[in-house]
């Protein structure tokens, strides 16, 4: 991790860029009805570059903007994104999101947000959200699975895949950004 003190302008620029990454990824996933979300690349990237406090801040900003521009469900899932950003930042600092530790670290970063998101999807929205994975929740529910269990099962698989992609992309981008001199 780069321990160079970053200027407020750098922090603002990186946070804005990361929020834009989240908004763009979420919009693409929404429009393409992907079973993953692509809304946490920026959250995780900012947690890697600036630390665990900036991950949740990025999730908060991008969820609020997405709510008003493209996804009426985004605000309800904001706390899950904030939790993911905080945990990812802490795990990155602890060296748990690289090498052989990556699958376990990603699992640890995924589960708390998944629990929150599954409960939100099931209790607040009856399993119907803007995500392409909602249909899987409904199918499992109609086959007799408890709605919360169905939401958790689908959410866990899609969240874990999404977080693996997000961590991989964020790691590559963070290495490049941290090599730059500002």
N, C-alpha and C. Protein backbone atom coordinates (compact mmCIF):
# COMPACT_ATOMS: atom_id res chain seq x y z
N UNK A 1 0.84 -1.19 0.00
CA UNK A 1 0.00 0.00 0.00
C UNK A 1 0.87 1.24 0.00
N UNK A 2 0.46 2.23 -0.72
CA UNK A 2 1.20 3.47 -0.80
C UNK A 2 0.88 4.31 0.44
N UNK A 3 1.92 4.71 1.17
CA UNK A 3 1.68 5.47 2.40
C UNK A 3 1.94 6.96 2.20
N UNK A 4 2.07 7.40 0.96
CA UNK A 4 2.29 8.81 0.67
C UNK A 4 1.05 9.60 1.09
N UNK A 5 1.29 10.75 1.73
CA UNK A 5 0.17 11.60 2.12
C UNK A 5 -0.44 12.20 0.86
N UNK A 6 -1.74 12.05 0.71
CA UNK A 6 -2.44 12.52 -0.47
C UNK A 6 -3.10 13.86 -0.19
N UNK A 7 -3.06 14.74 -1.19
CA UNK A 7 -3.67 16.07 -1.04
C UNK A 7 -5.19 15.95 -1.08
N UNK A 8 -5.87 16.93 -0.52
CA UNK A 8 -7.34 16.93 -0.60
C UNK A 8 -7.85 16.91 -2.04
N UNK A 9 -7.15 17.60 -2.94
CA UNK A 9 -7.56 17.61 -4.35
C UNK A 9 -7.46 16.21 -4.95
N UNK A 10 -6.39 15.48 -4.62
CA UNK A 10 -6.22 14.12 -5.10
C UNK A 10 -7.33 13.23 -4.56
N UNK A 11 -7.63 13.36 -3.27
CA UNK A 11 -8.68 12.55 -2.66
C UNK A 11 -10.04 12.83 -3.29
N UNK A 12 -10.32 14.09 -3.55
CA UNK A 12 -11.58 14.48 -4.19
C UNK A 12 -11.66 13.92 -5.61
N UNK A 13 -10.58 14.05 -6.36
CA UNK A 13 -10.56 13.56 -7.75
C UNK A 13 -10.71 12.04 -7.80
N UNK A 14 -10.00 11.33 -6.95
CA UNK A 14 -10.08 9.87 -6.96
C UNK A 14 -11.48 9.42 -6.52
N UNK A 15 -12.03 10.06 -5.51
CA UNK A 15 -13.37 9.70 -5.04
C UNK A 15 -14.41 9.95 -6.13
N UNK A 16 -14.29 11.06 -6.83
CA UNK A 16 -15.22 11.35 -7.93
C UNK A 16 -15.07 10.33 -9.06
N UNK A 17 -13.84 10.00 -9.40
CA UNK A 17 -13.60 9.00 -10.44
C UNK A 17 -14.17 7.64 -10.03
N UNK A 18 -13.96 7.26 -8.79
CA UNK A 18 -14.45 5.97 -8.31
C UNK A 18 -15.97 5.93 -8.26
N UNK A 19 -16.60 7.03 -7.86
CA UNK A 19 -18.06 7.09 -7.88
C UNK A 19 -18.57 6.97 -9.31
N UNK A 20 -17.89 7.62 -10.25
CA UNK A 20 -18.28 7.52 -11.66
C UNK A 20 -18.12 6.08 -12.18
N UNK A 21 -17.08 5.38 -11.74
CA UNK A 21 -16.92 3.97 -12.11
C UNK A 21 -18.10 3.14 -11.62
N UNK A 22 -18.49 3.36 -10.37
CA UNK A 22 -19.65 2.64 -9.81
C UNK A 22 -20.93 2.93 -10.59
N UNK A 23 -21.17 4.18 -10.86
CA UNK A 23 -22.40 4.59 -11.55
C UNK A 23 -22.44 3.99 -12.95
N UNK A 24 -21.32 4.07 -13.65
CA UNK A 24 -21.25 3.53 -15.00
C UNK A 24 -21.42 2.01 -15.00
N UNK A 25 -20.71 1.34 -14.10
CA UNK A 25 -20.83 -0.12 -14.01
C UNK A 25 -22.24 -0.55 -13.66
N UNK A 26 -22.84 0.12 -12.69
CA UNK A 26 -24.20 -0.22 -12.27
C UNK A 26 -25.19 0.01 -13.41
N UNK A 27 -25.02 1.10 -14.13
CA UNK A 27 -25.91 1.41 -15.24
C UNK A 27 -25.79 0.34 -16.33
N UNK A 28 -24.56 -0.04 -16.67
CA UNK A 28 -24.36 -1.08 -17.68
C UNK A 28 -24.99 -2.41 -17.25
N UNK A 29 -24.78 -2.79 -16.01
CA UNK A 29 -25.36 -4.04 -15.51
C UNK A 29 -26.89 -3.97 -15.54
N UNK A 30 -27.44 -2.81 -15.22
CA UNK A 30 -28.88 -2.63 -15.21
C UNK A 30 -29.45 -2.71 -16.63
N UNK A 31 -28.86 -1.97 -17.54
CA UNK A 31 -29.34 -1.94 -18.92
C UNK A 31 -29.18 -3.30 -19.60
N UNK A 32 -28.07 -3.97 -19.33
CA UNK A 32 -27.82 -5.27 -19.94
C UNK A 32 -28.45 -6.43 -19.18
N UNK A 33 -29.09 -6.11 -18.04
CA UNK A 33 -29.75 -7.11 -17.17
C UNK A 33 -28.78 -8.24 -16.79
N UNK A 34 -27.57 -7.85 -16.44
CA UNK A 34 -26.55 -8.82 -16.04
C UNK A 34 -26.89 -9.39 -14.67
N UNK A 35 -26.48 -10.61 -14.39
CA UNK A 35 -26.72 -11.18 -13.07
C UNK A 35 -25.71 -10.71 -12.02
N UNK A 36 -24.77 -9.85 -12.41
CA UNK A 36 -23.87 -9.21 -11.46
C UNK A 36 -24.15 -7.72 -11.48
N UNK A 37 -23.52 -6.98 -10.58
CA UNK A 37 -23.94 -5.60 -10.36
C UNK A 37 -22.96 -4.54 -10.88
N UNK A 38 -21.69 -4.82 -10.85
CA UNK A 38 -20.64 -3.91 -11.31
C UNK A 38 -20.69 -2.54 -10.64
N UNK A 39 -21.28 -2.47 -9.47
CA UNK A 39 -21.42 -1.20 -8.76
C UNK A 39 -20.44 -1.03 -7.62
N UNK A 40 -19.45 -1.92 -7.51
CA UNK A 40 -18.52 -1.79 -6.39
C UNK A 40 -17.06 -1.70 -6.81
N UNK A 41 -16.78 -1.63 -8.11
CA UNK A 41 -15.39 -1.49 -8.54
C UNK A 41 -14.80 -0.21 -7.95
N UNK A 42 -15.51 0.90 -8.10
CA UNK A 42 -15.03 2.17 -7.57
C UNK A 42 -14.95 2.19 -6.05
N UNK A 43 -15.92 1.57 -5.40
CA UNK A 43 -15.93 1.49 -3.94
C UNK A 43 -14.67 0.78 -3.45
N UNK A 44 -14.39 -0.37 -4.04
CA UNK A 44 -13.22 -1.16 -3.64
C UNK A 44 -11.93 -0.46 -4.04
N UNK A 45 -11.90 0.11 -5.23
CA UNK A 45 -10.71 0.82 -5.70
C UNK A 45 -10.36 1.97 -4.75
N UNK A 46 -11.34 2.74 -4.36
CA UNK A 46 -11.07 3.87 -3.47
C UNK A 46 -10.64 3.39 -2.08
N UNK A 47 -11.21 2.29 -1.63
CA UNK A 47 -10.78 1.71 -0.34
C UNK A 47 -9.33 1.26 -0.41
N UNK A 48 -8.90 0.78 -1.58
CA UNK A 48 -7.52 0.35 -1.76
C UNK A 48 -6.57 1.55 -1.82
N UNK A 49 -6.97 2.59 -2.54
CA UNK A 49 -6.07 3.73 -2.77
C UNK A 49 -6.03 4.67 -1.56
N UNK A 50 -7.19 5.02 -1.04
CA UNK A 50 -7.25 6.03 0.02
C UNK A 50 -7.56 5.47 1.41
N UNK A 51 -8.00 4.23 1.48
CA UNK A 51 -8.25 3.63 2.78
C UNK A 51 -9.70 3.29 3.03
N UNK A 52 -9.95 2.56 4.11
CA UNK A 52 -11.28 2.02 4.40
C UNK A 52 -12.39 3.05 4.56
N UNK A 53 -12.09 4.27 4.92
CA UNK A 53 -13.14 5.29 5.07
C UNK A 53 -13.66 5.74 3.72
N UNK A 54 -12.80 5.73 2.72
CA UNK A 54 -13.19 6.25 1.40
C UNK A 54 -14.02 5.26 0.60
N UNK A 55 -13.92 3.97 0.89
CA UNK A 55 -14.77 2.99 0.22
C UNK A 55 -16.25 3.26 0.50
N UNK A 56 -16.64 3.34 1.77
CA UNK A 56 -18.04 3.63 2.08
C UNK A 56 -18.51 4.99 1.53
N UNK A 57 -17.62 5.98 1.55
CA UNK A 57 -17.99 7.29 1.02
C UNK A 57 -18.32 7.19 -0.47
N UNK A 58 -17.53 6.41 -1.19
CA UNK A 58 -17.78 6.21 -2.62
C UNK A 58 -19.11 5.51 -2.85
N UNK A 59 -19.40 4.48 -2.05
CA UNK A 59 -20.67 3.78 -2.17
C UNK A 59 -21.85 4.71 -1.89
N UNK A 60 -21.71 5.54 -0.89
CA UNK A 60 -22.77 6.49 -0.54
C UNK A 60 -23.04 7.45 -1.71
N UNK A 61 -21.99 8.05 -2.24
CA UNK A 61 -22.13 9.02 -3.33
C UNK A 61 -22.73 8.36 -4.57
N UNK A 62 -22.16 7.23 -4.98
CA UNK A 62 -22.62 6.61 -6.21
C UNK A 62 -24.03 6.04 -6.09
N UNK A 63 -24.37 5.52 -4.92
CA UNK A 63 -25.74 5.00 -4.73
C UNK A 63 -26.75 6.13 -4.79
N UNK A 64 -26.42 7.26 -4.17
CA UNK A 64 -27.35 8.40 -4.19
C UNK A 64 -27.55 8.91 -5.62
N UNK A 65 -26.47 9.02 -6.38
CA UNK A 65 -26.60 9.49 -7.77
C UNK A 65 -27.35 8.48 -8.62
N UNK A 66 -27.03 7.20 -8.46
CA UNK A 66 -27.74 6.16 -9.23
C UNK A 66 -29.23 6.15 -8.90
N UNK A 67 -29.57 6.36 -7.64
CA UNK A 67 -30.97 6.40 -7.24
C UNK A 67 -31.72 7.48 -8.01
N UNK A 68 -31.13 8.66 -8.12
CA UNK A 68 -31.81 9.77 -8.77
C UNK A 68 -31.74 9.73 -10.29
N UNK A 69 -30.80 8.95 -10.85
CA UNK A 69 -30.63 8.97 -12.30
C UNK A 69 -31.08 7.71 -13.03
N UNK A 70 -30.94 6.54 -12.39
CA UNK A 70 -31.20 5.33 -13.17
C UNK A 70 -31.77 4.14 -12.41
N UNK A 71 -31.61 4.09 -11.10
CA UNK A 71 -31.99 2.88 -10.36
C UNK A 71 -32.71 3.23 -9.05
N UNK A 72 -34.03 3.10 -9.03
CA UNK A 72 -34.78 3.45 -7.82
C UNK A 72 -34.50 2.52 -6.63
N UNK A 73 -33.79 1.44 -6.84
CA UNK A 73 -33.45 0.51 -5.76
C UNK A 73 -32.10 0.82 -5.12
N UNK A 74 -31.30 1.66 -5.76
CA UNK A 74 -29.91 1.88 -5.34
C UNK A 74 -29.78 2.38 -3.90
N UNK A 75 -30.64 3.29 -3.50
CA UNK A 75 -30.53 3.87 -2.16
C UNK A 75 -30.74 2.82 -1.07
N UNK A 76 -31.65 1.92 -1.29
CA UNK A 76 -31.94 0.88 -0.29
C UNK A 76 -30.75 -0.05 -0.08
N UNK A 77 -29.94 -0.24 -1.11
CA UNK A 77 -28.80 -1.15 -1.03
C UNK A 77 -27.50 -0.43 -0.67
N UNK A 78 -27.55 0.89 -0.49
CA UNK A 78 -26.37 1.68 -0.16
C UNK A 78 -25.63 1.17 1.08
N UNK A 79 -26.30 0.86 2.18
CA UNK A 79 -25.54 0.38 3.35
C UNK A 79 -24.73 -0.89 3.08
N UNK A 80 -25.24 -1.76 2.24
CA UNK A 80 -24.49 -2.97 1.88
C UNK A 80 -23.21 -2.62 1.13
N UNK A 81 -23.30 -1.66 0.23
CA UNK A 81 -22.12 -1.20 -0.50
C UNK A 81 -21.12 -0.52 0.40
N UNK A 82 -21.64 0.26 1.35
CA UNK A 82 -20.76 0.94 2.30
C UNK A 82 -20.02 -0.08 3.18
N UNK A 83 -20.73 -1.10 3.60
CA UNK A 83 -20.13 -2.17 4.40
C UNK A 83 -19.05 -2.90 3.60
N UNK A 84 -19.33 -3.18 2.35
CA UNK A 84 -18.35 -3.84 1.48
C UNK A 84 -17.09 -2.98 1.33
N UNK A 85 -17.27 -1.69 1.13
CA UNK A 85 -16.13 -0.78 0.99
C UNK A 85 -15.26 -0.72 2.23
N UNK A 86 -15.89 -0.65 3.38
CA UNK A 86 -15.15 -0.62 4.65
C UNK A 86 -14.36 -1.91 4.85
N UNK A 87 -15.03 -3.03 4.69
CA UNK A 87 -14.38 -4.33 4.92
C UNK A 87 -13.28 -4.57 3.88
N UNK A 88 -13.53 -4.22 2.62
CA UNK A 88 -12.52 -4.40 1.58
C UNK A 88 -11.27 -3.58 1.88
N UNK A 89 -11.46 -2.36 2.35
CA UNK A 89 -10.31 -1.52 2.70
C UNK A 89 -9.50 -2.11 3.84
N UNK A 90 -10.19 -2.61 4.85
CA UNK A 90 -9.50 -3.23 5.99
C UNK A 90 -8.77 -4.51 5.56
N UNK A 91 -9.43 -5.32 4.75
CA UNK A 91 -8.81 -6.56 4.28
C UNK A 91 -7.62 -6.28 3.35
N UNK A 92 -7.73 -5.24 2.54
CA UNK A 92 -6.62 -4.87 1.66
C UNK A 92 -5.40 -4.49 2.50
N UNK A 93 -5.62 -3.68 3.51
CA UNK A 93 -4.52 -3.28 4.40
C UNK A 93 -3.89 -4.47 5.12
N UNK A 94 -4.70 -5.49 5.39
CA UNK A 94 -4.22 -6.68 6.08
C UNK A 94 -3.61 -7.70 5.11
N UNK A 95 -3.58 -7.37 3.82
CA UNK A 95 -3.00 -8.28 2.83
C UNK A 95 -3.86 -9.48 2.48
N UNK A 96 -5.16 -9.39 2.75
CA UNK A 96 -6.07 -10.52 2.51
C UNK A 96 -6.70 -10.53 1.12
N UNK A 97 -6.40 -9.53 0.30
CA UNK A 97 -7.04 -9.47 -1.01
C UNK A 97 -6.02 -9.59 -2.14
N UNK A 98 -5.07 -10.47 -1.94
CA UNK A 98 -4.09 -10.74 -2.99
C UNK A 98 -3.54 -12.15 -2.83
N UNK A 99 -3.00 -12.65 -3.91
CA UNK A 99 -2.38 -13.97 -3.89
C UNK A 99 -3.34 -15.08 -3.49
N UNK A 100 -2.83 -16.02 -2.74
CA UNK A 100 -3.62 -17.18 -2.32
C UNK A 100 -4.73 -16.82 -1.35
N UNK A 101 -4.63 -15.66 -0.71
CA UNK A 101 -5.64 -15.22 0.26
C UNK A 101 -6.84 -14.56 -0.42
N UNK A 102 -6.72 -14.27 -1.70
CA UNK A 102 -7.77 -13.54 -2.43
C UNK A 102 -9.15 -14.19 -2.33
N UNK A 103 -9.31 -15.50 -2.60
CA UNK A 103 -10.66 -16.08 -2.52
C UNK A 103 -11.28 -15.96 -1.12
N UNK A 104 -10.49 -16.21 -0.07
CA UNK A 104 -11.01 -16.10 1.29
C UNK A 104 -11.28 -14.64 1.65
N UNK A 105 -10.37 -13.76 1.30
CA UNK A 105 -10.58 -12.33 1.57
C UNK A 105 -11.81 -11.80 0.88
N UNK A 106 -12.02 -12.20 -0.36
CA UNK A 106 -13.21 -11.78 -1.10
C UNK A 106 -14.47 -12.34 -0.45
N UNK A 107 -14.40 -13.57 0.02
CA UNK A 107 -15.54 -14.16 0.73
C UNK A 107 -15.88 -13.34 1.98
N UNK A 108 -14.86 -13.01 2.75
CA UNK A 108 -15.07 -12.22 3.98
C UNK A 108 -15.66 -10.85 3.64
N UNK A 109 -15.18 -10.25 2.55
CA UNK A 109 -15.70 -8.93 2.14
C UNK A 109 -17.12 -9.01 1.61
N UNK A 110 -17.50 -10.18 1.11
CA UNK A 110 -18.80 -10.35 0.46
C UNK A 110 -19.93 -10.63 1.43
N UNK A 111 -19.72 -11.51 2.40
CA UNK A 111 -20.82 -12.04 3.22
C UNK A 111 -21.63 -10.97 3.98
N UNK A 112 -21.01 -10.02 4.69
CA UNK A 112 -21.84 -9.05 5.42
C UNK A 112 -22.78 -8.24 4.52
N UNK A 113 -22.26 -7.75 3.39
CA UNK A 113 -23.11 -7.01 2.47
C UNK A 113 -24.18 -7.87 1.84
N UNK A 114 -23.86 -9.15 1.63
CA UNK A 114 -24.82 -10.09 1.06
C UNK A 114 -25.98 -10.32 2.03
N UNK A 115 -25.67 -10.48 3.28
CA UNK A 115 -26.73 -10.66 4.29
C UNK A 115 -27.66 -9.45 4.28
N UNK A 116 -27.07 -8.25 4.31
CA UNK A 116 -27.87 -7.03 4.29
C UNK A 116 -28.71 -6.96 3.01
N UNK A 117 -28.07 -7.19 1.87
CA UNK A 117 -28.77 -7.06 0.58
C UNK A 117 -29.87 -8.09 0.40
N UNK A 118 -29.61 -9.32 0.85
CA UNK A 118 -30.63 -10.37 0.72
C UNK A 118 -31.86 -10.04 1.56
N UNK A 119 -31.63 -9.58 2.77
CA UNK A 119 -32.76 -9.19 3.63
C UNK A 119 -33.51 -8.00 3.05
N UNK A 120 -32.77 -7.03 2.52
CA UNK A 120 -33.40 -5.87 1.90
C UNK A 120 -34.23 -6.29 0.69
N UNK A 121 -33.65 -7.12 -0.18
CA UNK A 121 -34.37 -7.57 -1.37
C UNK A 121 -35.63 -8.35 -1.00
N UNK A 122 -35.52 -9.22 -0.01
CA UNK A 122 -36.66 -10.07 0.37
C UNK A 122 -37.73 -9.29 1.12
N UNK A 123 -37.34 -8.57 2.16
CA UNK A 123 -38.33 -7.92 3.03
C UNK A 123 -38.86 -6.61 2.47
N UNK A 124 -38.01 -5.85 1.82
CA UNK A 124 -38.44 -4.55 1.33
C UNK A 124 -39.08 -4.63 -0.05
N UNK A 125 -38.57 -5.55 -0.90
CA UNK A 125 -39.00 -5.59 -2.29
C UNK A 125 -39.60 -6.92 -2.72
N UNK A 126 -39.79 -7.84 -1.80
CA UNK A 126 -40.37 -9.14 -2.15
C UNK A 126 -39.54 -9.93 -3.14
N UNK A 127 -38.22 -9.67 -3.16
CA UNK A 127 -37.31 -10.37 -4.05
C UNK A 127 -37.20 -9.77 -5.44
N UNK A 128 -38.00 -8.74 -5.72
CA UNK A 128 -37.98 -8.09 -7.04
C UNK A 128 -37.18 -6.80 -6.97
N UNK A 129 -36.03 -6.78 -7.63
CA UNK A 129 -35.22 -5.58 -7.71
C UNK A 129 -34.87 -5.32 -9.17
N UNK A 130 -34.05 -4.32 -9.39
CA UNK A 130 -33.65 -3.97 -10.76
C UNK A 130 -32.61 -4.92 -11.32
N UNK A 131 -32.06 -5.78 -10.50
CA UNK A 131 -30.99 -6.68 -10.92
C UNK A 131 -31.51 -7.81 -11.81
N UNK A 132 -30.65 -8.22 -12.73
CA UNK A 132 -30.99 -9.35 -13.59
C UNK A 132 -31.12 -10.66 -12.82
N UNK A 133 -30.59 -10.70 -11.60
CA UNK A 133 -30.67 -11.93 -10.80
C UNK A 133 -32.01 -12.09 -10.09
N UNK A 134 -32.84 -11.08 -10.11
CA UNK A 134 -34.14 -11.15 -9.43
C UNK A 134 -35.00 -12.30 -9.93
N UNK A 135 -34.88 -12.59 -11.19
CA UNK A 135 -35.69 -13.69 -11.74
C UNK A 135 -35.31 -15.02 -11.09
N UNK A 136 -34.03 -15.20 -10.78
CA UNK A 136 -33.59 -16.42 -10.11
C UNK A 136 -34.18 -16.52 -8.71
N UNK A 137 -34.26 -15.39 -8.02
CA UNK A 137 -34.88 -15.37 -6.68
C UNK A 137 -36.33 -15.79 -6.79
N UNK A 138 -37.03 -15.26 -7.76
CA UNK A 138 -38.44 -15.59 -7.93
C UNK A 138 -38.64 -17.07 -8.29
N UNK A 139 -37.79 -17.59 -9.16
CA UNK A 139 -37.89 -19.01 -9.54
C UNK A 139 -37.68 -19.90 -8.32
N UNK A 140 -36.62 -19.64 -7.55
CA UNK A 140 -36.37 -20.45 -6.35
C UNK A 140 -37.51 -20.33 -5.34
N UNK A 141 -38.04 -19.12 -5.21
CA UNK A 141 -39.15 -18.90 -4.28
C UNK A 141 -40.40 -19.66 -4.73
N UNK A 142 -40.69 -19.64 -6.01
CA UNK A 142 -41.87 -20.35 -6.53
C UNK A 142 -41.69 -21.86 -6.45
N UNK A 143 -40.44 -22.32 -6.39
CA UNK A 143 -40.16 -23.75 -6.26
C UNK A 143 -40.25 -24.21 -4.79
N UNK A 144 -40.59 -23.28 -3.89
CA UNK A 144 -40.80 -23.64 -2.50
C UNK A 144 -39.73 -23.17 -1.53
N UNK A 145 -38.68 -22.55 -2.02
CA UNK A 145 -37.64 -22.06 -1.12
C UNK A 145 -38.12 -20.79 -0.43
N UNK A 146 -37.81 -20.65 0.84
CA UNK A 146 -38.11 -19.44 1.58
C UNK A 146 -37.54 -18.24 0.83
N UNK A 147 -38.28 -17.14 0.77
CA UNK A 147 -37.87 -15.97 -0.01
C UNK A 147 -36.52 -15.41 0.46
N UNK A 148 -36.30 -15.32 1.77
CA UNK A 148 -35.03 -14.80 2.28
C UNK A 148 -33.89 -15.75 1.92
N UNK A 149 -34.12 -17.05 2.04
CA UNK A 149 -33.09 -18.03 1.68
C UNK A 149 -32.80 -17.97 0.19
N UNK A 150 -33.84 -17.83 -0.63
CA UNK A 150 -33.64 -17.72 -2.07
C UNK A 150 -32.86 -16.45 -2.41
N UNK A 151 -33.23 -15.35 -1.78
CA UNK A 151 -32.52 -14.08 -2.01
C UNK A 151 -31.06 -14.20 -1.58
N UNK A 152 -30.83 -14.84 -0.43
CA UNK A 152 -29.45 -14.99 0.04
C UNK A 152 -28.65 -15.89 -0.89
N UNK A 153 -29.21 -17.00 -1.31
CA UNK A 153 -28.49 -17.94 -2.18
C UNK A 153 -28.08 -17.26 -3.49
N UNK A 154 -29.03 -16.59 -4.11
CA UNK A 154 -28.74 -15.91 -5.37
C UNK A 154 -27.80 -14.74 -5.13
N UNK A 155 -28.06 -13.96 -4.10
CA UNK A 155 -27.24 -12.79 -3.79
C UNK A 155 -25.81 -13.21 -3.49
N UNK A 156 -25.63 -14.30 -2.76
CA UNK A 156 -24.29 -14.74 -2.41
C UNK A 156 -23.49 -15.10 -3.66
N UNK A 157 -24.07 -15.88 -4.55
CA UNK A 157 -23.36 -16.30 -5.76
C UNK A 157 -23.04 -15.08 -6.63
N UNK A 158 -24.02 -14.22 -6.84
CA UNK A 158 -23.78 -13.07 -7.70
C UNK A 158 -22.85 -12.05 -7.04
N UNK A 159 -23.01 -11.84 -5.73
CA UNK A 159 -22.12 -10.91 -5.02
C UNK A 159 -20.68 -11.40 -5.04
N UNK A 160 -20.49 -12.68 -4.78
CA UNK A 160 -19.12 -13.21 -4.75
C UNK A 160 -18.46 -13.07 -6.12
N UNK A 161 -19.17 -13.42 -7.18
CA UNK A 161 -18.62 -13.25 -8.53
C UNK A 161 -18.33 -11.78 -8.82
N UNK A 162 -19.26 -10.92 -8.44
CA UNK A 162 -19.11 -9.48 -8.64
C UNK A 162 -17.90 -8.95 -7.86
N UNK A 163 -17.74 -9.38 -6.63
CA UNK A 163 -16.63 -8.89 -5.80
C UNK A 163 -15.28 -9.42 -6.30
N UNK A 164 -15.23 -10.65 -6.80
CA UNK A 164 -13.99 -11.17 -7.37
C UNK A 164 -13.56 -10.31 -8.57
N UNK A 165 -14.51 -10.00 -9.42
CA UNK A 165 -14.22 -9.14 -10.57
C UNK A 165 -13.79 -7.76 -10.10
N UNK A 166 -14.52 -7.21 -9.15
CA UNK A 166 -14.23 -5.87 -8.64
C UNK A 166 -12.86 -5.80 -7.98
N UNK A 167 -12.51 -6.81 -7.20
CA UNK A 167 -11.20 -6.83 -6.53
C UNK A 167 -10.08 -6.94 -7.56
N UNK A 168 -10.27 -7.80 -8.56
CA UNK A 168 -9.24 -7.97 -9.58
C UNK A 168 -9.01 -6.67 -10.36
N UNK A 169 -10.10 -6.04 -10.80
CA UNK A 169 -9.99 -4.78 -11.54
C UNK A 169 -9.40 -3.69 -10.64
N UNK A 170 -9.86 -3.61 -9.41
CA UNK A 170 -9.39 -2.58 -8.47
C UNK A 170 -7.91 -2.76 -8.15
N UNK A 171 -7.48 -3.99 -7.99
CA UNK A 171 -6.07 -4.26 -7.71
C UNK A 171 -5.19 -3.77 -8.85
N UNK A 172 -5.58 -4.11 -10.08
CA UNK A 172 -4.81 -3.68 -11.25
C UNK A 172 -4.78 -2.16 -11.37
N UNK A 173 -5.92 -1.52 -11.18
CA UNK A 173 -5.99 -0.06 -11.28
C UNK A 173 -5.23 0.62 -10.14
N UNK A 174 -5.35 0.11 -8.94
CA UNK A 174 -4.67 0.71 -7.78
C UNK A 174 -3.16 0.65 -7.96
N UNK A 175 -2.64 -0.43 -8.49
CA UNK A 175 -1.20 -0.54 -8.74
C UNK A 175 -0.75 0.55 -9.70
N UNK A 176 -1.53 0.76 -10.75
CA UNK A 176 -1.17 1.79 -11.74
C UNK A 176 -1.26 3.19 -11.13
N UNK A 177 -2.32 3.46 -10.43
CA UNK A 177 -2.53 4.79 -9.86
C UNK A 177 -1.47 5.09 -8.79
N UNK A 178 -1.15 4.11 -7.96
CA UNK A 178 -0.16 4.33 -6.91
C UNK A 178 1.26 4.52 -7.45
N UNK A 179 1.51 4.12 -8.68
CA UNK A 179 2.81 4.34 -9.30
C UNK A 179 2.94 5.75 -9.85
N UNK A 180 1.80 6.40 -10.07
CA UNK A 180 1.81 7.75 -10.62
C UNK A 180 2.26 8.75 -9.55
N UNK A 181 2.84 9.83 -10.00
CA UNK A 181 3.27 10.89 -9.07
C UNK A 181 2.32 12.08 -9.25
N UNK A 182 1.74 12.48 -8.14
CA UNK A 182 0.81 13.63 -8.18
C UNK A 182 1.31 14.72 -7.30
